[in-house]
Amino acid sequence: MLWQEGKAQAIQHQARQIYTEALSSASSAEKQKEKCKNALEKFRESLSFYTRSKISQMAYLYIGHCHYALKEYPQAIAAYTRCLSGVYRSIALDGIAHSFEAQGDFAQALEHFQKNTADERNPYLLEAILGIARCYEALKQTPNALEFYEKALNKKPPERIADFIKRKISELKG
């Protein structure tokens, strides 16, 4: 089992390198897409060696990231869903919410962003609050959108994000 776990980790390391290259690459969109597909296959390969613990959850998380980058949102949601009961829950919820948002399903996105606000220590809390605000804005629920943009501002975000939030609040107030 230790050999299998080590093999899975080594393959995941290769896959993460390919995935990172795909996202940071200055190459064409087609080349980036090809690298994401290569990374996706490597992450799947790692699951053929080891499907237990955090290692498999990490693979599913990145499988979700690859599908998201390829704009294959239903597949991304399915992969992220495999991580909801583990240590990567907040990242998975964020991925699911963004996938629904990218598909234009703002009600489902809203539900998942809301789930990600349950823990005040969640590193994705600000992103979840901003996601809720965006969803309410897309659903034409301006008072709710304003409420959540203001909540996000109260979390003392970095200056560039705070400036963006202030502009959104100003736009929504008319």
N, C-alpha and C. Protein backbone atom coordinates (compact mmCIF):
# COMPACT_ATOMS: atom_id res chain seq x y z
N MET A 1 0.81 -1.20 0.00
CA MET A 1 0.00 0.00 0.00
C MET A 1 0.86 1.26 0.00
N LEU A 2 1.98 1.21 0.72
CA LEU A 2 2.86 2.38 0.73
C LEU A 2 3.43 2.64 -0.66
N TRP A 3 3.76 1.56 -1.39
CA TRP A 3 4.25 1.74 -2.75
C TRP A 3 3.18 2.37 -3.61
N GLN A 4 1.95 1.88 -3.50
CA GLN A 4 0.84 2.43 -4.29
C GLN A 4 0.62 3.90 -3.97
N GLU A 5 0.65 4.22 -2.68
CA GLU A 5 0.46 5.61 -2.28
C GLU A 5 1.58 6.49 -2.84
N GLY A 6 2.81 6.02 -2.75
CA GLY A 6 3.94 6.77 -3.28
C GLY A 6 3.84 6.96 -4.78
N LYS A 7 3.44 5.92 -5.48
CA LYS A 7 3.27 6.00 -6.94
C LYS A 7 2.19 7.02 -7.29
N ALA A 8 1.07 6.98 -6.58
CA ALA A 8 -0.01 7.93 -6.81
C ALA A 8 0.46 9.36 -6.56
N GLN A 9 1.21 9.56 -5.49
CA GLN A 9 1.72 10.90 -5.19
C GLN A 9 2.69 11.39 -6.27
N ALA A 10 3.54 10.51 -6.77
CA ALA A 10 4.49 10.89 -7.80
C ALA A 10 3.75 11.29 -9.09
N ILE A 11 2.74 10.53 -9.44
CA ILE A 11 1.97 10.85 -10.64
C ILE A 11 1.21 12.16 -10.44
N GLN A 12 0.66 12.36 -9.25
CA GLN A 12 -0.05 13.62 -8.98
C GLN A 12 0.91 14.80 -9.05
N HIS A 13 2.12 14.61 -8.59
CA HIS A 13 3.11 15.69 -8.67
C HIS A 13 3.35 16.07 -10.13
N GLN A 14 3.51 15.07 -11.00
CA GLN A 14 3.68 15.33 -12.43
C GLN A 14 2.44 16.05 -12.99
N ALA A 15 1.28 15.58 -12.59
CA ALA A 15 0.03 16.17 -13.07
C ALA A 15 -0.10 17.62 -12.64
N ARG A 16 0.26 17.92 -11.39
CA ARG A 16 0.19 19.30 -10.90
C ARG A 16 1.14 20.20 -11.67
N GLN A 17 2.31 19.68 -12.03
CA GLN A 17 3.25 20.48 -12.82
C GLN A 17 2.66 20.80 -14.19
N ILE A 18 2.04 19.81 -14.82
CA ILE A 18 1.42 20.02 -16.13
C ILE A 18 0.27 21.02 -16.01
N TYR A 19 -0.53 20.86 -14.96
CA TYR A 19 -1.68 21.76 -14.74
C TYR A 19 -1.19 23.20 -14.52
N THR A 20 -0.15 23.36 -13.71
CA THR A 20 0.41 24.69 -13.45
C THR A 20 0.95 25.31 -14.73
N GLU A 21 1.62 24.51 -15.54
CA GLU A 21 2.12 25.00 -16.83
C GLU A 21 0.96 25.45 -17.72
N ALA A 22 -0.12 24.70 -17.70
CA ALA A 22 -1.28 25.04 -18.53
C ALA A 22 -1.85 26.39 -18.15
N LEU A 23 -1.92 26.65 -16.86
CA LEU A 23 -2.52 27.91 -16.40
C LEU A 23 -1.57 29.09 -16.51
N SER A 24 -0.29 28.85 -16.38
CA SER A 24 0.66 29.97 -16.39
C SER A 24 1.32 30.14 -17.75
N SER A 25 0.97 29.32 -18.66
CA SER A 25 1.61 29.31 -19.97
C SER A 25 1.21 30.53 -20.79
N ALA A 26 2.18 31.02 -21.53
CA ALA A 26 1.91 32.11 -22.46
C ALA A 26 1.58 31.56 -23.83
N SER A 27 1.42 30.24 -23.91
CA SER A 27 1.13 29.62 -25.20
C SER A 27 -0.33 29.82 -25.59
N SER A 28 -0.66 29.34 -26.74
CA SER A 28 -2.00 29.51 -27.29
C SER A 28 -3.05 28.83 -26.42
N ALA A 29 -4.29 29.25 -26.63
CA ALA A 29 -5.41 28.65 -25.89
C ALA A 29 -5.50 27.15 -26.19
N GLU A 30 -5.20 26.77 -27.42
CA GLU A 30 -5.26 25.36 -27.81
C GLU A 30 -4.19 24.55 -27.06
N LYS A 31 -3.01 25.12 -26.91
CA LYS A 31 -1.92 24.45 -26.17
C LYS A 31 -2.28 24.33 -24.69
N GLN A 32 -2.88 25.37 -24.13
CA GLN A 32 -3.30 25.32 -22.73
C GLN A 32 -4.36 24.25 -22.53
N LYS A 33 -5.28 24.16 -23.46
CA LYS A 33 -6.33 23.14 -23.39
C LYS A 33 -5.72 21.74 -23.44
N GLU A 34 -4.75 21.55 -24.31
CA GLU A 34 -4.06 20.27 -24.44
C GLU A 34 -3.36 19.90 -23.12
N LYS A 35 -2.70 20.88 -22.50
CA LYS A 35 -2.01 20.61 -21.24
C LYS A 35 -3.00 20.27 -20.13
N CYS A 36 -4.15 20.95 -20.10
CA CYS A 36 -5.18 20.62 -19.10
C CYS A 36 -5.68 19.20 -19.29
N LYS A 37 -5.85 18.80 -20.53
CA LYS A 37 -6.29 17.42 -20.80
C LYS A 37 -5.23 16.41 -20.37
N ASN A 38 -3.95 16.75 -20.60
CA ASN A 38 -2.86 15.87 -20.17
C ASN A 38 -2.83 15.76 -18.65
N ALA A 39 -3.00 16.88 -17.98
CA ALA A 39 -3.02 16.86 -16.51
C ALA A 39 -4.20 16.03 -16.01
N LEU A 40 -5.35 16.20 -16.63
CA LEU A 40 -6.55 15.45 -16.26
C LEU A 40 -6.29 13.94 -16.35
N GLU A 41 -5.66 13.51 -17.42
CA GLU A 41 -5.35 12.08 -17.57
C GLU A 41 -4.38 11.60 -16.51
N LYS A 42 -3.39 12.42 -16.16
CA LYS A 42 -2.43 12.06 -15.12
C LYS A 42 -3.12 11.93 -13.76
N PHE A 43 -4.02 12.86 -13.45
CA PHE A 43 -4.73 12.77 -12.17
C PHE A 43 -5.59 11.50 -12.14
N ARG A 44 -6.22 11.18 -13.24
CA ARG A 44 -7.00 9.94 -13.31
C ARG A 44 -6.09 8.72 -13.14
N GLU A 45 -4.92 8.78 -13.76
CA GLU A 45 -3.96 7.68 -13.64
C GLU A 45 -3.57 7.48 -12.17
N SER A 46 -3.39 8.57 -11.44
CA SER A 46 -3.01 8.43 -10.03
C SER A 46 -4.07 7.68 -9.23
N LEU A 47 -5.33 7.84 -9.64
CA LEU A 47 -6.41 7.13 -8.95
C LEU A 47 -6.38 5.62 -9.22
N SER A 48 -5.74 5.22 -10.29
CA SER A 48 -5.64 3.78 -10.56
C SER A 48 -4.67 3.10 -9.60
N PHE A 49 -3.83 3.88 -8.94
CA PHE A 49 -2.87 3.31 -7.99
C PHE A 49 -3.35 3.40 -6.54
N TYR A 50 -4.08 4.46 -6.21
CA TYR A 50 -4.44 4.66 -4.81
C TYR A 50 -5.70 5.50 -4.72
N THR A 51 -6.72 4.99 -4.04
CA THR A 51 -8.00 5.70 -3.97
C THR A 51 -8.41 6.01 -2.53
N ARG A 52 -7.47 6.02 -1.62
CA ARG A 52 -7.81 6.28 -0.23
C ARG A 52 -7.33 7.66 0.20
N SER A 53 -7.91 8.12 1.28
CA SER A 53 -7.49 9.32 2.02
C SER A 53 -7.41 10.59 1.20
N LYS A 54 -6.59 11.49 1.70
CA LYS A 54 -6.45 12.82 1.10
C LYS A 54 -5.86 12.76 -0.30
N ILE A 55 -5.11 11.73 -0.57
CA ILE A 55 -4.46 11.63 -1.88
C ILE A 55 -5.50 11.53 -2.99
N SER A 56 -6.51 10.69 -2.81
CA SER A 56 -7.53 10.58 -3.85
C SER A 56 -8.39 11.85 -3.89
N GLN A 57 -8.65 12.43 -2.73
CA GLN A 57 -9.43 13.68 -2.72
C GLN A 57 -8.68 14.78 -3.45
N MET A 58 -7.37 14.83 -3.29
CA MET A 58 -6.56 15.82 -4.01
C MET A 58 -6.68 15.60 -5.51
N ALA A 59 -6.66 14.33 -5.92
CA ALA A 59 -6.80 14.03 -7.35
C ALA A 59 -8.16 14.50 -7.87
N TYR A 60 -9.22 14.19 -7.13
CA TYR A 60 -10.56 14.61 -7.57
C TYR A 60 -10.68 16.13 -7.59
N LEU A 61 -10.05 16.79 -6.64
CA LEU A 61 -10.08 18.25 -6.61
C LEU A 61 -9.45 18.81 -7.89
N TYR A 62 -8.29 18.31 -8.25
CA TYR A 62 -7.63 18.77 -9.46
C TYR A 62 -8.34 18.32 -10.72
N ILE A 63 -8.97 17.16 -10.68
CA ILE A 63 -9.79 16.74 -11.81
C ILE A 63 -10.90 17.77 -12.02
N GLY A 64 -11.49 18.21 -10.92
CA GLY A 64 -12.50 19.28 -11.01
C GLY A 64 -11.92 20.55 -11.58
N HIS A 65 -10.73 20.93 -11.12
CA HIS A 65 -10.07 22.14 -11.63
C HIS A 65 -9.81 22.03 -13.14
N CYS A 66 -9.36 20.85 -13.57
CA CYS A 66 -9.08 20.66 -15.00
C CYS A 66 -10.36 20.76 -15.82
N HIS A 67 -11.41 20.09 -15.36
CA HIS A 67 -12.69 20.18 -16.09
C HIS A 67 -13.19 21.62 -16.12
N TYR A 68 -13.04 22.34 -15.00
CA TYR A 68 -13.46 23.74 -14.96
C TYR A 68 -12.68 24.55 -16.01
N ALA A 69 -11.36 24.36 -16.04
CA ALA A 69 -10.53 25.09 -17.00
C ALA A 69 -10.91 24.75 -18.44
N LEU A 70 -11.39 23.53 -18.65
CA LEU A 70 -11.83 23.10 -19.99
C LEU A 70 -13.28 23.48 -20.27
N LYS A 71 -13.90 24.16 -19.32
CA LYS A 71 -15.30 24.59 -19.41
C LYS A 71 -16.26 23.41 -19.49
N GLU A 72 -15.88 22.32 -18.84
CA GLU A 72 -16.71 21.12 -18.74
C GLU A 72 -17.31 21.12 -17.33
N TYR A 73 -18.28 22.00 -17.14
CA TYR A 73 -18.78 22.28 -15.81
C TYR A 73 -19.50 21.11 -15.13
N PRO A 74 -20.35 20.35 -15.82
CA PRO A 74 -20.98 19.22 -15.14
C PRO A 74 -19.95 18.20 -14.62
N GLN A 75 -18.90 17.96 -15.40
CA GLN A 75 -17.85 17.04 -14.97
C GLN A 75 -17.07 17.63 -13.79
N ALA A 76 -16.86 18.94 -13.82
CA ALA A 76 -16.17 19.60 -12.70
C ALA A 76 -16.99 19.44 -11.42
N ILE A 77 -18.29 19.67 -11.52
CA ILE A 77 -19.17 19.55 -10.36
C ILE A 77 -19.12 18.12 -9.81
N ALA A 78 -19.16 17.14 -10.70
CA ALA A 78 -19.12 15.74 -10.27
C ALA A 78 -17.82 15.43 -9.53
N ALA A 79 -16.70 15.93 -10.03
CA ALA A 79 -15.41 15.69 -9.38
C ALA A 79 -15.33 16.41 -8.03
N TYR A 80 -15.74 17.66 -8.00
CA TYR A 80 -15.71 18.41 -6.74
C TYR A 80 -16.60 17.77 -5.68
N THR A 81 -17.72 17.23 -6.12
CA THR A 81 -18.66 16.60 -5.18
C THR A 81 -18.00 15.45 -4.44
N ARG A 82 -17.03 14.80 -5.06
CA ARG A 82 -16.32 13.68 -4.40
C ARG A 82 -15.48 14.16 -3.22
N CYS A 83 -15.30 15.47 -3.08
CA CYS A 83 -14.45 16.02 -2.02
C CYS A 83 -15.23 16.70 -0.90
N LEU A 84 -16.54 16.64 -0.94
CA LEU A 84 -17.35 17.39 0.03
C LEU A 84 -17.26 16.87 1.46
N SER A 85 -16.91 15.63 1.64
CA SER A 85 -16.86 15.09 3.00
C SER A 85 -15.46 15.08 3.58
N GLY A 86 -14.51 15.65 2.89
CA GLY A 86 -13.13 15.61 3.36
C GLY A 86 -12.55 16.95 3.72
N VAL A 87 -11.25 16.96 3.82
CA VAL A 87 -10.53 18.15 4.24
C VAL A 87 -10.56 19.27 3.21
N TYR A 88 -10.91 18.94 1.98
CA TYR A 88 -10.95 19.94 0.92
C TYR A 88 -12.37 20.46 0.67
N ARG A 89 -13.24 20.30 1.64
CA ARG A 89 -14.65 20.69 1.49
C ARG A 89 -14.83 22.13 1.02
N SER A 90 -14.14 23.08 1.65
CA SER A 90 -14.35 24.49 1.29
C SER A 90 -13.87 24.78 -0.13
N ILE A 91 -12.79 24.14 -0.56
CA ILE A 91 -12.31 24.33 -1.93
C ILE A 91 -13.31 23.71 -2.91
N ALA A 92 -13.82 22.53 -2.55
CA ALA A 92 -14.79 21.84 -3.41
C ALA A 92 -16.08 22.65 -3.53
N LEU A 93 -16.58 23.18 -2.42
CA LEU A 93 -17.79 24.01 -2.48
C LEU A 93 -17.57 25.23 -3.36
N ASP A 94 -16.40 25.83 -3.24
CA ASP A 94 -16.07 26.99 -4.07
C ASP A 94 -16.07 26.59 -5.54
N GLY A 95 -15.47 25.45 -5.85
CA GLY A 95 -15.44 24.99 -7.23
C GLY A 95 -16.83 24.68 -7.78
N ILE A 96 -17.65 24.04 -6.96
CA ILE A 96 -19.03 23.74 -7.38
C ILE A 96 -19.79 25.03 -7.63
N ALA A 97 -19.68 25.97 -6.71
CA ALA A 97 -20.40 27.24 -6.84
C ALA A 97 -19.97 27.97 -8.11
N HIS A 98 -18.67 28.03 -8.35
CA HIS A 98 -18.17 28.72 -9.55
C HIS A 98 -18.61 27.99 -10.82
N SER A 99 -18.68 26.67 -10.77
CA SER A 99 -19.12 25.90 -11.94
C SER A 99 -20.59 26.20 -12.26
N PHE A 100 -21.42 26.22 -11.22
CA PHE A 100 -22.83 26.58 -11.46
C PHE A 100 -22.95 28.02 -11.96
N GLU A 101 -22.17 28.91 -11.38
CA GLU A 101 -22.20 30.31 -11.80
C GLU A 101 -21.79 30.44 -13.27
N ALA A 102 -20.76 29.71 -13.67
CA ALA A 102 -20.30 29.77 -15.06
C ALA A 102 -21.35 29.24 -16.04
N GLN A 103 -22.21 28.34 -15.57
CA GLN A 103 -23.28 27.81 -16.40
C GLN A 103 -24.51 28.71 -16.39
N GLY A 104 -24.50 29.74 -15.54
CA GLY A 104 -25.65 30.63 -15.44
C GLY A 104 -26.72 30.14 -14.50
N ASP A 105 -26.43 29.11 -13.71
CA ASP A 105 -27.37 28.59 -12.72
C ASP A 105 -27.08 29.29 -11.39
N PHE A 106 -27.56 30.52 -11.28
CA PHE A 106 -27.22 31.35 -10.13
C PHE A 106 -27.87 30.88 -8.84
N ALA A 107 -29.02 30.24 -8.92
CA ALA A 107 -29.68 29.73 -7.72
C ALA A 107 -28.84 28.61 -7.09
N GLN A 108 -28.33 27.69 -7.92
CA GLN A 108 -27.48 26.62 -7.40
C GLN A 108 -26.13 27.18 -6.91
N ALA A 109 -25.59 28.12 -7.65
CA ALA A 109 -24.33 28.74 -7.24
C ALA A 109 -24.51 29.42 -5.88
N LEU A 110 -25.60 30.14 -5.74
CA LEU A 110 -25.91 30.83 -4.49
C LEU A 110 -25.96 29.85 -3.32
N GLU A 111 -26.64 28.73 -3.53
CA GLU A 111 -26.76 27.71 -2.47
C GLU A 111 -25.37 27.23 -2.02
N HIS A 112 -24.48 26.99 -2.96
CA HIS A 112 -23.15 26.47 -2.60
C HIS A 112 -22.24 27.55 -2.01
N PHE A 113 -22.37 28.78 -2.50
CA PHE A 113 -21.61 29.86 -1.87
C PHE A 113 -22.08 30.03 -0.42
N GLN A 114 -23.39 29.95 -0.19
CA GLN A 114 -23.93 30.09 1.17
C GLN A 114 -23.40 29.00 2.09
N LYS A 115 -23.31 27.78 1.60
CA LYS A 115 -22.77 26.68 2.42
C LYS A 115 -21.33 26.98 2.83
N ASN A 116 -20.63 27.72 1.99
CA ASN A 116 -19.22 28.00 2.27
C ASN A 116 -19.03 29.17 3.23
N THR A 117 -20.11 29.73 3.74
CA THR A 117 -19.99 30.82 4.72
C THR A 117 -20.24 30.34 6.14
N ALA A 118 -20.47 29.05 6.33
CA ALA A 118 -20.81 28.51 7.65
C ALA A 118 -19.67 28.66 8.66
N ASP A 119 -18.44 28.62 8.20
CA ASP A 119 -17.28 28.68 9.09
C ASP A 119 -16.55 30.00 8.89
N GLU A 120 -16.51 30.80 9.91
CA GLU A 120 -15.85 32.12 9.83
C GLU A 120 -14.34 32.01 9.56
N ARG A 121 -13.76 30.87 9.84
CA ARG A 121 -12.31 30.69 9.62
C ARG A 121 -11.99 30.16 8.22
N ASN A 122 -13.01 29.92 7.44
CA ASN A 122 -12.84 29.39 6.09
C ASN A 122 -12.02 30.35 5.25
N PRO A 123 -10.94 29.89 4.64
CA PRO A 123 -10.13 30.78 3.81
C PRO A 123 -10.86 31.26 2.56
N TYR A 124 -11.97 30.62 2.22
CA TYR A 124 -12.76 31.01 1.06
C TYR A 124 -13.98 31.85 1.45
N LEU A 125 -14.01 32.33 2.68
CA LEU A 125 -15.16 33.07 3.17
C LEU A 125 -15.42 34.35 2.36
N LEU A 126 -14.41 35.15 2.15
CA LEU A 126 -14.59 36.38 1.38
C LEU A 126 -15.07 36.06 -0.03
N GLU A 127 -14.48 35.06 -0.67
CA GLU A 127 -14.90 34.66 -2.01
C GLU A 127 -16.35 34.20 -2.00
N ALA A 128 -16.74 33.47 -0.97
CA ALA A 128 -18.13 33.00 -0.87
C ALA A 128 -19.10 34.17 -0.72
N ILE A 129 -18.75 35.14 0.11
CA ILE A 129 -19.62 36.31 0.31
C ILE A 129 -19.74 37.10 -0.99
N LEU A 130 -18.62 37.28 -1.69
CA LEU A 130 -18.66 37.98 -2.98
C LEU A 130 -19.46 37.18 -4.00
N GLY A 131 -19.35 35.86 -3.95
CA GLY A 131 -20.13 35.01 -4.84
C GLY A 131 -21.62 35.15 -4.59
N ILE A 132 -21.99 35.21 -3.32
CA ILE A 132 -23.40 35.41 -2.96
C ILE A 132 -23.88 36.75 -3.52
N ALA A 133 -23.07 37.78 -3.36
CA ALA A 133 -23.44 39.10 -3.88
C ALA A 133 -23.61 39.06 -5.40
N ARG A 134 -22.68 38.42 -6.09
CA ARG A 134 -22.79 38.33 -7.56
C ARG A 134 -24.04 37.58 -7.98
N CYS A 135 -24.34 36.49 -7.26
CA CYS A 135 -25.53 35.70 -7.61
C CYS A 135 -26.81 36.51 -7.39
N TYR A 136 -26.89 37.20 -6.25
CA TYR A 136 -28.06 38.04 -6.01
C TYR A 136 -28.17 39.13 -7.08
N GLU A 137 -27.03 39.67 -7.47
CA GLU A 137 -27.04 40.70 -8.52
C GLU A 137 -27.56 40.10 -9.83
N ALA A 138 -27.08 38.91 -10.19
CA ALA A 138 -27.53 38.25 -11.43
C ALA A 138 -29.01 37.88 -11.36
N LEU A 139 -29.49 37.58 -10.15
CA LEU A 139 -30.90 37.24 -9.96
C LEU A 139 -31.79 38.47 -9.80
N LYS A 140 -31.18 39.65 -10.00
CA LYS A 140 -31.90 40.94 -9.92
C LYS A 140 -32.47 41.20 -8.52
N GLN A 141 -31.75 40.72 -7.50
CA GLN A 141 -32.15 40.97 -6.11
C GLN A 141 -31.15 41.97 -5.52
N THR A 142 -31.27 43.20 -6.00
CA THR A 142 -30.31 44.25 -5.66
C THR A 142 -30.15 44.50 -4.17
N PRO A 143 -31.23 44.57 -3.37
CA PRO A 143 -31.02 44.79 -1.93
C PRO A 143 -30.16 43.70 -1.29
N ASN A 144 -30.38 42.45 -1.68
CA ASN A 144 -29.56 41.36 -1.13
C ASN A 144 -28.12 41.46 -1.63
N ALA A 145 -27.94 41.80 -2.90
CA ALA A 145 -26.60 41.96 -3.45
C ALA A 145 -25.85 43.05 -2.68
N LEU A 146 -26.51 44.18 -2.46
CA LEU A 146 -25.88 45.27 -1.69
C LEU A 146 -25.48 44.81 -0.29
N GLU A 147 -26.38 44.08 0.35
CA GLU A 147 -26.10 43.59 1.71
C GLU A 147 -24.82 42.76 1.74
N PHE A 148 -24.65 41.89 0.75
CA PHE A 148 -23.48 41.02 0.76
C PHE A 148 -22.21 41.71 0.27
N TYR A 149 -22.34 42.67 -0.62
CA TYR A 149 -21.15 43.46 -0.98
C TYR A 149 -20.67 44.23 0.24
N GLU A 150 -21.61 44.75 1.03
CA GLU A 150 -21.22 45.48 2.24
C GLU A 150 -20.61 44.54 3.27
N LYS A 151 -21.15 43.32 3.39
CA LYS A 151 -20.55 42.32 4.29
C LYS A 151 -19.12 42.01 3.86
N ALA A 152 -18.91 41.89 2.57
CA ALA A 152 -17.57 41.61 2.06
C ALA A 152 -16.62 42.75 2.39
N LEU A 153 -17.11 43.97 2.26
CA LEU A 153 -16.29 45.14 2.57
C LEU A 153 -15.92 45.17 4.05
N ASN A 154 -16.83 44.72 4.90
CA ASN A 154 -16.57 44.67 6.34
C ASN A 154 -15.53 43.63 6.73
N LYS A 155 -15.22 42.71 5.82
CA LYS A 155 -14.20 41.68 6.08
C LYS A 155 -12.79 42.22 5.84
N LYS A 156 -12.70 43.50 5.50
CA LYS A 156 -11.42 44.19 5.27
C LYS A 156 -10.57 43.45 4.21
N PRO A 157 -11.11 43.39 2.98
CA PRO A 157 -10.37 42.71 1.91
C PRO A 157 -9.16 43.54 1.47
N PRO A 158 -8.27 42.93 0.68
CA PRO A 158 -7.14 43.70 0.14
C PRO A 158 -7.66 44.93 -0.63
N GLU A 159 -6.83 45.92 -0.74
CA GLU A 159 -7.23 47.23 -1.28
C GLU A 159 -7.87 47.14 -2.67
N ARG A 160 -7.27 46.38 -3.57
CA ARG A 160 -7.83 46.30 -4.93
C ARG A 160 -9.22 45.68 -4.93
N ILE A 161 -9.45 44.71 -4.06
CA ILE A 161 -10.78 44.09 -3.96
C ILE A 161 -11.74 45.06 -3.29
N ALA A 162 -11.28 45.75 -2.27
CA ALA A 162 -12.12 46.74 -1.60
C ALA A 162 -12.56 47.83 -2.58
N ASP A 163 -11.64 48.27 -3.44
CA ASP A 163 -11.99 49.28 -4.45
C ASP A 163 -13.07 48.76 -5.39
N PHE A 164 -12.92 47.51 -5.82
CA PHE A 164 -13.93 46.89 -6.69
C PHE A 164 -15.29 46.84 -5.99
N ILE A 165 -15.29 46.42 -4.73
CA ILE A 165 -16.55 46.30 -3.97
C ILE A 165 -17.21 47.67 -3.82
N LYS A 166 -16.42 48.69 -3.54
CA LYS A 166 -16.96 50.05 -3.40
C LYS A 166 -17.61 50.50 -4.71
N ARG A 167 -16.96 50.19 -5.84
CA ARG A 167 -17.54 50.54 -7.14
C ARG A 167 -18.86 49.80 -7.36
N LYS A 168 -18.91 48.52 -6.99
CA LYS A 168 -20.14 47.73 -7.17
C LYS A 168 -21.26 48.32 -6.32
N ILE A 169 -20.94 48.65 -5.08
CA ILE A 169 -21.95 49.23 -4.19
C ILE A 169 -22.46 50.54 -4.78
N SER A 170 -21.56 51.37 -5.25
CA SER A 170 -21.94 52.65 -5.86
C SER A 170 -22.82 52.44 -7.09
N GLU A 171 -22.47 51.49 -7.93
CA GLU A 171 -23.27 51.19 -9.14
C GLU A 171 -24.68 50.72 -8.75
N LEU A 172 -24.75 49.84 -7.78
CA LEU A 172 -26.04 49.27 -7.39
C LEU A 172 -26.94 50.29 -6.69
N LYS A 173 -26.33 51.22 -5.99
CA LYS A 173 -27.12 52.25 -5.33
C LYS A 173 -27.60 53.30 -6.33
N GLY A 174 -26.95 53.31 -7.49
CA GLY A 174 -27.38 54.24 -8.55
C GLY A 174 -26.87 55.57 -8.32
